[in-house]
Amino acid sequence: MIPIRASTIPFWADCPRRAAAKQWPDLLRDLGYTLKTTLPSIGGAVGTGVHAAGKYFFETKNTSGVLPPVSHGEQMAIESVELETMNGATYDTTTENQDTAKKQTVALTRVFYSEVASKYIFSDLEVARSGVIPGDVKITGHSDYENVEELDDLKTGAHAQNCSGQLGTYSLLRVSEGKSRPVRLNQFHLPRTSLKKPVPSVKVIPYDVKQAEITAWQIINHMAWARKAFDKSKEPWAFLANPMSMMCSEKYCPAYGTEWCREGK
């Protein structure tokens, strides 16, 4: 069975070699390849904190009919950041330390509270699904927010990045369970910004449902084809490498400079 996570799909076209190293690390290690251990990115830790608060807001709203105090979600978000970074993190110029990360997470949580949690109704939160397609391929995904008509995903990266394939995968998995195809797929983009700047409003980025599903299906098939080619050849070039990727560095890629991928170095 070839496992493919929906969260890996948006990164495949950027660099299949890096995506393969993150998707199937145990396979590569079993074959004798040594991958580097990368610390969690601080951007990811901030995003996880806002997600934790968002889930809490909607769960409480669904149960009691009213939103809890925003401060309760802020505390959950802070605790999440502390947990995510307890063994270290990769910081950057926007978030230089844990204290800054916690303050940014609180600021983002407040905007999410006023512009998303107070305005939207989602009956299903962080829905985990899986499905098997021909070729012995198992797809797994974990959507953020859903209702009968809508399926949305929260992103807190500094810049909005296309997640069409990821949302398309969530939609396909939902339909595979016999549930209704979403009428709308949206990305809630709430960017992590310097504390010197005000936090922007949430940007709702819509995706065409049919196009997102086509994107997902095509990338999944490319991934499965490359993985099967690698299973036969054991040759890293079964996965193309992209040394021009912005993430081709020791900081972001566990394969950088290793025998598995010598292209970047």
C-alpha atoms as a PDB file:
ATOM      1  CA  MET A   1       0.000   0.000   0.000  1.00  0.00           C
ATOM      2  CA  ILE A   2       1.398   3.401  -1.017  1.00  0.00           C
ATOM      3  CA  PRO A   3       0.403   6.065   1.544  1.00  0.00           C
ATOM      4  CA  ILE A   4      -0.125   9.648   0.368  1.00  0.00           C
ATOM      5  CA  ARG A   5      -1.078  12.503   2.703  1.00  0.00           C
ATOM      6  CA  ALA A   6      -3.158  15.384   1.383  1.00  0.00           C
ATOM      7  CA  SER A   7      -0.836  17.865   3.111  1.00  0.00           C
ATOM      8  CA  THR A   8       2.087  16.687   0.935  1.00  0.00           C
ATOM      9  CA  ILE A   9       0.257  17.229  -2.352  1.00  0.00           C
ATOM     10  CA  PRO A  10       0.754  21.039  -2.683  1.00  0.00           C
ATOM     11  CA  PHE A  11       4.533  20.609  -2.324  1.00  0.00           C
ATOM     12  CA  TRP A  12       4.971  17.846  -4.886  1.00  0.00           C
ATOM     13  CA  ALA A  13       5.223  20.070  -7.969  1.00  0.00           C
ATOM     14  CA  ASP A  14       7.760  22.333  -6.231  1.00  0.00           C
ATOM     15  CA  CYS A  15      10.184  19.461  -5.533  1.00  0.00           C
ATOM     16  CA  PRO A  16       9.142  15.794  -5.735  1.00  0.00           C
ATOM     17  CA  ARG A  17      12.443  14.690  -4.166  1.00  0.00           C
ATOM     18  CA  ARG A  18      11.878  16.800  -1.041  1.00  0.00           C
ATOM     19  CA  ALA A  19       8.221  15.797  -0.894  1.00  0.00           C
ATOM     20  CA  ALA A  20       9.166  12.114  -1.157  1.00  0.00           C
ATOM     21  CA  ALA A  21      11.646  12.489   1.706  1.00  0.00           C
ATOM     22  CA  LYS A  22       8.916  13.938   3.897  1.00  0.00           C
ATOM     23  CA  GLN A  23       6.191  11.577   2.723  1.00  0.00           C
ATOM     24  CA  TRP A  24       8.123   8.284   2.918  1.00  0.00           C
ATOM     25  CA  PRO A  25      11.112   8.823   5.277  1.00  0.00           C
ATOM     26  CA  ASP A  26      10.984   5.340   6.815  1.00  0.00           C
ATOM     27  CA  LEU A  27      11.186   3.732   3.374  1.00  0.00           C
ATOM     28  CA  LEU A  28      14.320   5.705   2.519  1.00  0.00           C
ATOM     29  CA  ARG A  29      15.977   4.969   5.854  1.00  0.00           C
ATOM     30  CA  ASP A  30      15.246   1.258   5.438  1.00  0.00           C
ATOM     31  CA  LEU A  31      17.140   1.436   2.138  1.00  0.00           C
ATOM     32  CA  GLY A  32      20.164   2.968   3.857  1.00  0.00           C
ATOM     33  CA  TYR A  33      19.635   6.658   3.115  1.00  0.00           C
ATOM     34  CA  THR A  34      20.337   9.095   5.927  1.00  0.00           C
ATOM     35  CA  LEU A  35      17.962  12.034   6.162  1.00  0.00           C
ATOM     36  CA  LYS A  36      18.561  15.067   8.307  1.00  0.00           C
ATOM     37  CA  THR A  37      16.288  15.968  11.184  1.00  0.00           C
ATOM     38  CA  THR A  38      14.781  19.407  10.686  1.00  0.00           C
ATOM     39  CA  LEU A  39      13.290  21.391  13.536  1.00  0.00           C
ATOM     40  CA  PRO A  40       9.650  22.427  13.217  1.00  0.00           C
ATOM     41  CA  SER A  41       9.240  25.798  11.561  1.00  0.00           C
ATOM     42  CA  ILE A  42       8.033  28.588  13.795  1.00  0.00           C
ATOM     43  CA  GLY A  43       5.461  29.467  11.156  1.00  0.00           C
ATOM     44  CA  GLY A  44       3.986  26.000  11.476  1.00  0.00           C
ATOM     45  CA  ALA A  45       3.930  26.278  15.261  1.00  0.00           C
ATOM     46  CA  VAL A  46       2.053  29.581  15.087  1.00  0.00           C
ATOM     47  CA  GLY A  47      -0.421  28.058  12.639  1.00  0.00           C
ATOM     48  CA  THR A  48      -0.998  25.058  14.900  1.00  0.00           C
ATOM     49  CA  GLY A  49      -1.746  27.425  17.779  1.00  0.00           C
ATOM     50  CA  VAL A  50      -4.343  29.374  15.805  1.00  0.00           C
ATOM     51  CA  HIS A  51      -5.892  26.104  14.606  1.00  0.00           C
ATOM     52  CA  ALA A  52      -6.219  24.912  18.212  1.00  0.00           C
ATOM     53  CA  ALA A  53      -8.009  28.101  19.199  1.00  0.00           C
ATOM     54  CA  GLY A  54     -10.243  27.986  16.125  1.00  0.00           C
ATOM     55  CA  LYS A  55     -11.374  24.443  16.824  1.00  0.00           C
ATOM     56  CA  TYR A  56     -12.157  25.379  20.412  1.00  0.00           C
ATOM     57  CA  PHE A  57     -14.214  28.413  19.341  1.00  0.00           C
ATOM     58  CA  PHE A  58     -16.346  26.431  16.898  1.00  0.00           C
ATOM     59  CA  GLU A  59     -16.780  23.418  19.193  1.00  0.00           C
ATOM     60  CA  THR A  60     -18.024  25.665  21.996  1.00  0.00           C
ATOM     61  CA  LYS A  61     -20.243  27.616  19.616  1.00  0.00           C
ATOM     62  CA  ASN A  62     -21.772  24.393  18.262  1.00  0.00           C
ATOM     63  CA  THR A  63     -22.381  22.983  21.743  1.00  0.00           C
ATOM     64  CA  SER A  64     -23.658  26.025  23.609  1.00  0.00           C
ATOM     65  CA  GLY A  65     -24.780  28.307  20.812  1.00  0.00           C
ATOM     66  CA  VAL A  66     -22.457  31.110  21.899  1.00  0.00           C
ATOM     67  CA  LEU A  67     -18.788  31.855  21.473  1.00  0.00           C
ATOM     68  CA  PRO A  68     -16.564  31.562  24.545  1.00  0.00           C
ATOM     69  CA  PRO A  69     -14.400  34.527  25.618  1.00  0.00           C
ATOM     70  CA  VAL A  70     -11.585  35.102  23.142  1.00  0.00           C
ATOM     71  CA  SER A  71      -9.091  34.962  26.030  1.00  0.00           C
ATOM     72  CA  HIS A  72      -9.817  31.253  26.516  1.00  0.00           C
ATOM     73  CA  GLY A  73      -8.791  30.540  22.936  1.00  0.00           C
ATOM     74  CA  GLU A  74      -5.734  32.756  23.279  1.00  0.00           C
ATOM     75  CA  GLN A  75      -4.496  30.691  26.199  1.00  0.00           C
ATOM     76  CA  MET A  76      -4.992  27.457  24.273  1.00  0.00           C
ATOM     77  CA  ALA A  77      -3.072  28.917  21.337  1.00  0.00           C
ATOM     78  CA  ILE A  78      -0.165  29.979  23.586  1.00  0.00           C
ATOM     79  CA  GLU A  79       0.031  26.541  25.195  1.00  0.00           C
ATOM     80  CA  SER A  80       0.066  24.952  21.741  1.00  0.00           C
ATOM     81  CA  VAL A  81       3.012  27.117  20.635  1.00  0.00           C
ATOM     82  CA  GLU A  82       4.912  26.228  23.806  1.00  0.00           C
ATOM     83  CA  LEU A  83       4.336  22.534  23.171  1.00  0.00           C
ATOM     84  CA  GLU A  84       5.317  22.719  19.492  1.00  0.00           C
ATOM     85  CA  THR A  85       8.574  24.553  20.228  1.00  0.00           C
ATOM     86  CA  MET A  86       9.614  22.854  23.471  1.00  0.00           C
ATOM     87  CA  ASN A  87      12.464  21.048  21.680  1.00  0.00           C
ATOM     88  CA  GLY A  88      13.414  23.988  19.488  1.00  0.00           C
ATOM     89  CA  ALA A  89      12.195  25.504  16.242  1.00  0.00           C
ATOM     90  CA  THR A  90      13.466  27.126  13.069  1.00  0.00           C
ATOM     91  CA  TYR A  91      12.930  30.858  13.583  1.00  0.00           C
ATOM     92  CA  ASP A  92      12.993  33.552  10.904  1.00  0.00           C
ATOM     93  CA  THR A  93      13.097  37.324  10.479  1.00  0.00           C
ATOM     94  CA  THR A  94       9.347  37.634  11.077  1.00  0.00           C
ATOM     95  CA  THR A  95       9.371  35.528  14.247  1.00  0.00           C
ATOM     96  CA  GLU A  96      12.767  35.598  15.932  1.00  0.00           C
ATOM     97  CA  ASN A  97      11.919  33.819  19.195  1.00  0.00           C
ATOM     98  CA  GLN A  98       9.202  31.987  21.122  1.00  0.00           C
ATOM     99  CA  ASP A  99       7.946  35.098  22.908  1.00  0.00           C
ATOM    100  CA  THR A 100       7.314  36.819  19.574  1.00  0.00           C
ATOM    101  CA  ALA A 101       5.614  33.669  18.282  1.00  0.00           C
ATOM    102  CA  LYS A 102       3.192  33.637  21.210  1.00  0.00           C
ATOM    103  CA  LYS A 103       2.324  37.312  20.748  1.00  0.00           C
ATOM    104  CA  GLN A 104       1.745  36.807  17.023  1.00  0.00           C
ATOM    105  CA  THR A 105      -0.422  33.766  17.735  1.00  0.00           C
ATOM    106  CA  VAL A 106      -2.582  35.777  20.121  1.00  0.00           C
ATOM    107  CA  ALA A 107      -2.954  38.563  17.548  1.00  0.00           C
ATOM    108  CA  LEU A 108      -3.951  36.109  14.817  1.00  0.00           C
ATOM    109  CA  THR A 109      -6.359  34.338  17.163  1.00  0.00           C
ATOM    110  CA  ARG A 110      -8.150  37.611  17.879  1.00  0.00           C
ATOM    111  CA  VAL A 111      -8.637  38.329  14.177  1.00  0.00           C
ATOM    112  CA  PHE A 112      -9.827  34.761  13.566  1.00  0.00           C
ATOM    113  CA  TYR A 113     -12.293  35.131  16.423  1.00  0.00           C
ATOM    114  CA  SER A 114     -13.861  38.334  15.098  1.00  0.00           C
ATOM    115  CA  GLU A 115     -13.764  37.593  11.373  1.00  0.00           C
ATOM    116  CA  VAL A 116     -14.258  33.829  11.120  1.00  0.00           C
ATOM    117  CA  ALA A 117     -15.525  32.235  14.336  1.00  0.00           C
ATOM    118  CA  SER A 118     -18.156  34.930  14.913  1.00  0.00           C
ATOM    119  CA  LYS A 119     -19.451  34.870  11.313  1.00  0.00           C
ATOM    120  CA  TYR A 120     -19.333  31.266  10.095  1.00  0.00           C
ATOM    121  CA  ILE A 121     -21.075  28.075  11.148  1.00  0.00           C
ATOM    122  CA  PHE A 122     -19.264  24.772  10.628  1.00  0.00           C
ATOM    123  CA  SER A 123     -20.826  21.521  11.748  1.00  0.00           C
ATOM    124  CA  ASP A 124     -17.705  19.393  11.185  1.00  0.00           C
ATOM    125  CA  LEU A 125     -14.243  20.287  12.447  1.00  0.00           C
ATOM    126  CA  GLU A 126     -10.860  18.716  11.658  1.00  0.00           C
ATOM    127  CA  VAL A 127     -12.427  15.809   9.805  1.00  0.00           C
ATOM    128  CA  ALA A 128     -10.008  12.907   9.249  1.00  0.00           C
ATOM    129  CA  ARG A 129     -10.706  10.731   6.204  1.00  0.00           C
ATOM    130  CA  SER A 130      -8.983   8.071   4.147  1.00  0.00           C
ATOM    131  CA  GLY A 131      -9.654   6.250   0.913  1.00  0.00           C
ATOM    132  CA  VAL A 132      -8.019   3.649  -1.323  1.00  0.00           C
ATOM    133  CA  ILE A 133      -7.768   4.113  -5.082  1.00  0.00           C
ATOM    134  CA  PRO A 134      -6.778   1.590  -7.793  1.00  0.00           C
ATOM    135  CA  GLY A 135      -3.095   0.786  -7.736  1.00  0.00           C
ATOM    136  CA  ASP A 136      -3.030   0.048  -4.024  1.00  0.00           C
ATOM    137  CA  VAL A 137      -2.734   3.722  -3.037  1.00  0.00           C
ATOM    138  CA  LYS A 138      -4.150   4.994   0.264  1.00  0.00           C
ATOM    139  CA  ILE A 139      -5.006   8.696   0.514  1.00  0.00           C
ATOM    140  CA  THR A 140      -5.450  10.370   3.896  1.00  0.00           C
ATOM    141  CA  GLY A 141      -6.561  13.891   4.691  1.00  0.00           C
ATOM    142  CA  HIS A 142      -7.593  16.093   7.580  1.00  0.00           C
ATOM    143  CA  SER A 143      -9.822  19.041   6.655  1.00  0.00           C
ATOM    144  CA  ASP A 144     -10.270  22.062   8.925  1.00  0.00           C
ATOM    145  CA  TYR A 145     -13.870  23.300   8.644  1.00  0.00           C
ATOM    146  CA  GLU A 146     -16.914  21.893   6.870  1.00  0.00           C
ATOM    147  CA  ASN A 147     -20.657  22.295   6.520  1.00  0.00           C
ATOM    148  CA  VAL A 148     -23.107  20.937   3.957  1.00  0.00           C
ATOM    149  CA  GLU A 149     -22.052  23.388   1.236  1.00  0.00           C
ATOM    150  CA  GLU A 150     -18.535  24.424   2.194  1.00  0.00           C
ATOM    151  CA  LEU A 151     -15.096  22.999   2.926  1.00  0.00           C
ATOM    152  CA  ASP A 152     -12.452  25.465   4.122  1.00  0.00           C
ATOM    153  CA  ASP A 153      -8.822  25.387   5.192  1.00  0.00           C
ATOM    154  CA  LEU A 154      -6.923  27.861   7.384  1.00  0.00           C
ATOM    155  CA  LYS A 155      -3.426  28.987   6.377  1.00  0.00           C
ATOM    156  CA  THR A 156      -1.234  31.401   8.365  1.00  0.00           C
ATOM    157  CA  GLY A 157       1.820  31.597   6.123  1.00  0.00           C
ATOM    158  CA  ALA A 158       3.378  34.973   5.429  1.00  0.00           C
ATOM    159  CA  HIS A 159       2.158  34.694   1.835  1.00  0.00           C
ATOM    160  CA  ALA A 160      -0.924  32.990   0.449  1.00  0.00           C
ATOM    161  CA  GLN A 161       0.112  29.807  -1.323  1.00  0.00           C
ATOM    162  CA  ASN A 162      -1.979  27.764  -3.692  1.00  0.00           C
ATOM    163  CA  CYS A 163      -3.510  24.766  -1.914  1.00  0.00           C
ATOM    164  CA  SER A 164      -5.835  23.672  -4.710  1.00  0.00           C
ATOM    165  CA  GLY A 165      -4.606  20.070  -4.691  1.00  0.00           C
ATOM    166  CA  GLN A 166      -4.981  19.765  -0.932  1.00  0.00           C
ATOM    167  CA  LEU A 167      -8.541  21.113  -0.910  1.00  0.00           C
ATOM    168  CA  GLY A 168      -9.379  19.014  -3.965  1.00  0.00           C
ATOM    169  CA  THR A 169      -8.197  15.905  -2.111  1.00  0.00           C
ATOM    170  CA  TYR A 170     -10.404  16.731   0.857  1.00  0.00           C
ATOM    171  CA  SER A 171     -13.352  17.140  -1.493  1.00  0.00           C
ATOM    172  CA  LEU A 172     -12.700  13.817  -3.255  1.00  0.00           C
ATOM    173  CA  LEU A 173     -12.378  12.006   0.066  1.00  0.00           C
ATOM    174  CA  ARG A 174     -15.630  13.525   1.289  1.00  0.00           C
ATOM    175  CA  VAL A 175     -17.473  12.440  -1.864  1.00  0.00           C
ATOM    176  CA  SER A 176     -15.950   8.944  -1.560  1.00  0.00           C
ATOM    177  CA  GLU A 177     -17.794   8.593   1.750  1.00  0.00           C
ATOM    178  CA  GLY A 178     -21.097   9.194   0.003  1.00  0.00           C
ATOM    179  CA  LYS A 179     -21.435  12.743   1.265  1.00  0.00           C
ATOM    180  CA  SER A 180     -22.310  15.811  -0.797  1.00  0.00           C
ATOM    181  CA  ARG A 181     -19.688  17.451  -2.974  1.00  0.00           C
ATOM    182  CA  PRO A 182     -18.873  20.897  -1.549  1.00  0.00           C
ATOM    183  CA  VAL A 183     -20.306  23.843  -3.435  1.00  0.00           C
ATOM    184  CA  ARG A 184     -17.409  25.998  -2.247  1.00  0.00           C
ATOM    185  CA  LEU A 185     -13.776  25.413  -1.353  1.00  0.00           C
ATOM    186  CA  ASN A 186     -12.038  28.287   0.415  1.00  0.00           C
ATOM    187  CA  GLN A 187      -8.714  29.080   1.950  1.00  0.00           C
ATOM    188  CA  PHE A 188      -8.842  31.390   4.963  1.00  0.00           C
ATOM    189  CA  HIS A 189      -5.511  33.179   4.727  1.00  0.00           C
ATOM    190  CA  LEU A 190      -4.478  34.941   7.926  1.00  0.00           C
ATOM    191  CA  PRO A 191      -0.816  35.922   7.457  1.00  0.00           C
ATOM    192  CA  ARG A 192       1.790  35.855  10.206  1.00  0.00           C
ATOM    193  CA  THR A 193       3.276  39.360  10.253  1.00  0.00           C
ATOM    194  CA  SER A 194       5.845  41.341  12.212  1.00  0.00           C
ATOM    195  CA  LEU A 195       4.633  42.704  15.545  1.00  0.00           C
ATOM    196  CA  LYS A 196       5.496  46.135  14.156  1.00  0.00           C
ATOM    197  CA  LYS A 197       2.661  45.805  11.653  1.00  0.00           C
ATOM    198  CA  PRO A 198      -1.082  45.430  12.205  1.00  0.00           C
ATOM    199  CA  VAL A 199      -2.500  41.991  11.489  1.00  0.00           C
ATOM    200  CA  PRO A 200      -4.405  42.113   8.173  1.00  0.00           C
ATOM    201  CA  SER A 201      -7.978  40.975   7.862  1.00  0.00           C
ATOM    202  CA  VAL A 202      -8.665  37.395   6.881  1.00  0.00           C
ATOM    203  CA  LYS A 203      -8.555  36.930   3.126  1.00  0.00           C
ATOM    204  CA  VAL A 204     -11.022  34.372   1.807  1.00  0.00           C
ATOM    205  CA  ILE A 205      -9.535  32.755  -1.302  1.00  0.00           C
ATOM    206  CA  PRO A 206     -12.028  30.676  -3.318  1.00  0.00           C
ATOM    207  CA  TYR A 207     -11.069  27.623  -5.393  1.00  0.00           C
ATOM    208  CA  ASP A 208     -13.017  26.101  -8.250  1.00  0.00           C
ATOM    209  CA  VAL A 209     -14.222  22.725  -6.946  1.00  0.00           C
ATOM    210  CA  LYS A 210     -13.897  20.814 -10.241  1.00  0.00           C
ATOM    211  CA  GLN A 211     -10.461  22.235 -10.988  1.00  0.00           C
ATOM    212  CA  ALA A 212      -9.233  21.508  -7.452  1.00  0.00           C
ATOM    213  CA  GLU A 213     -10.369  17.893  -7.713  1.00  0.00           C
ATOM    214  CA  ILE A 214      -8.674  17.496 -11.114  1.00  0.00           C
ATOM    215  CA  THR A 215      -5.476  18.989  -9.664  1.00  0.00           C
ATOM    216  CA  ALA A 216      -5.594  16.587  -6.735  1.00  0.00           C
ATOM    217  CA  TRP A 217      -6.222  13.541  -8.917  1.00  0.00           C
ATOM    218  CA  GLN A 218      -3.402  14.375 -11.334  1.00  0.00           C
ATOM    219  CA  ILE A 219      -0.831  15.012  -8.593  1.00  0.00           C
ATOM    220  CA  ILE A 220      -1.843  11.872  -6.702  1.00  0.00           C
ATOM    221  CA  ASN A 221      -1.311   9.819  -9.843  1.00  0.00           C
ATOM    222  CA  HIS A 222       2.075  11.439 -10.490  1.00  0.00           C
ATOM    223  CA  MET A 223       3.104  10.649  -6.911  1.00  0.00           C
ATOM    224  CA  ALA A 224       1.949   7.049  -7.167  1.00  0.00           C
ATOM    225  CA  TRP A 225       3.691   6.572 -10.546  1.00  0.00           C
ATOM    226  CA  ALA A 226       6.980   7.974  -9.215  1.00  0.00           C
ATOM    227  CA  ARG A 227       6.788   5.868  -6.067  1.00  0.00           C
ATOM    228  CA  LYS A 228       6.197   2.683  -8.074  1.00  0.00           C
ATOM    229  CA  ALA A 229       9.122   3.554 -10.364  1.00  0.00           C
ATOM    230  CA  PHE A 230      11.305   4.019  -7.298  1.00  0.00           C
ATOM    231  CA  ASP A 231      10.176   0.720  -5.784  1.00  0.00           C
ATOM    232  CA  LYS A 232      11.507  -0.995  -8.925  1.00  0.00           C
ATOM    233  CA  SER A 233      14.708   0.980  -9.502  1.00  0.00           C
ATOM    234  CA  LYS A 234      15.629   2.213  -5.982  1.00  0.00           C
ATOM    235  CA  GLU A 235      16.989   5.197  -7.909  1.00  0.00           C
ATOM    236  CA  PRO A 236      16.473   8.690  -6.406  1.00  0.00           C
ATOM    237  CA  TRP A 237      15.939  10.093  -9.889  1.00  0.00           C
ATOM    238  CA  ALA A 238      12.546   8.387  -9.917  1.00  0.00           C
ATOM    239  CA  PHE A 239      11.686  11.639  -8.118  1.00  0.00           C
ATOM    240  CA  LEU A 240      12.734  14.811  -9.898  1.00  0.00           C
ATOM    241  CA  ALA A 241      14.714  17.324  -7.831  1.00  0.00           C
ATOM    242  CA  ASN A 242      14.270  21.075  -8.052  1.00  0.00           C
ATOM    243  CA  PRO A 243      17.374  22.953  -6.828  1.00  0.00           C
ATOM    244  CA  MET A 244      15.663  26.222  -7.863  1.00  0.00           C
ATOM    245  CA  SER A 245      12.995  25.754  -5.198  1.00  0.00           C
ATOM    246  CA  MET A 246      12.926  28.469  -2.521  1.00  0.00           C
ATOM    247  CA  MET A 247      12.942  25.653   0.043  1.00  0.00           C
ATOM    248  CA  CYS A 248      16.045  23.932  -1.340  1.00  0.00           C
ATOM    249  CA  SER A 249      18.189  24.464   1.730  1.00  0.00           C
ATOM    250  CA  GLU A 250      19.416  22.675   4.828  1.00  0.00           C
ATOM    251  CA  LYS A 251      16.972  24.754   6.822  1.00  0.00           C
ATOM    252  CA  TYR A 252      13.849  23.369   5.167  1.00  0.00           C
ATOM    253  CA  CYS A 253      14.737  20.086   3.467  1.00  0.00           C
ATOM    254  CA  PRO A 254      15.748  16.886   5.288  1.00  0.00           C
ATOM    255  CA  ALA A 255      17.331  15.577   2.065  1.00  0.00           C
ATOM    256  CA  TYR A 256      19.517  18.594   1.342  1.00  0.00           C
ATOM    257  CA  GLY A 257      23.162  17.645   0.865  1.00  0.00           C
ATOM    258  CA  THR A 258      22.559  13.936   1.532  1.00  0.00           C
ATOM    259  CA  GLU A 259      23.186  10.976  -0.748  1.00  0.00           C
ATOM    260  CA  TRP A 260      19.452  10.914  -1.353  1.00  0.00           C
ATOM    261  CA  CYS A 261      19.660  14.346  -2.990  1.00  0.00           C
ATOM    262  CA  ARG A 262      22.936  15.938  -3.988  1.00  0.00           C
ATOM    263  CA  GLU A 263      21.363  18.420  -6.392  1.00  0.00           C
ATOM    264  CA  GLY A 264      21.015  21.443  -4.132  1.00  0.00           C
ATOM    265  CA  LYS A 265      24.464  21.217  -2.591  1.00  0.00           C
END
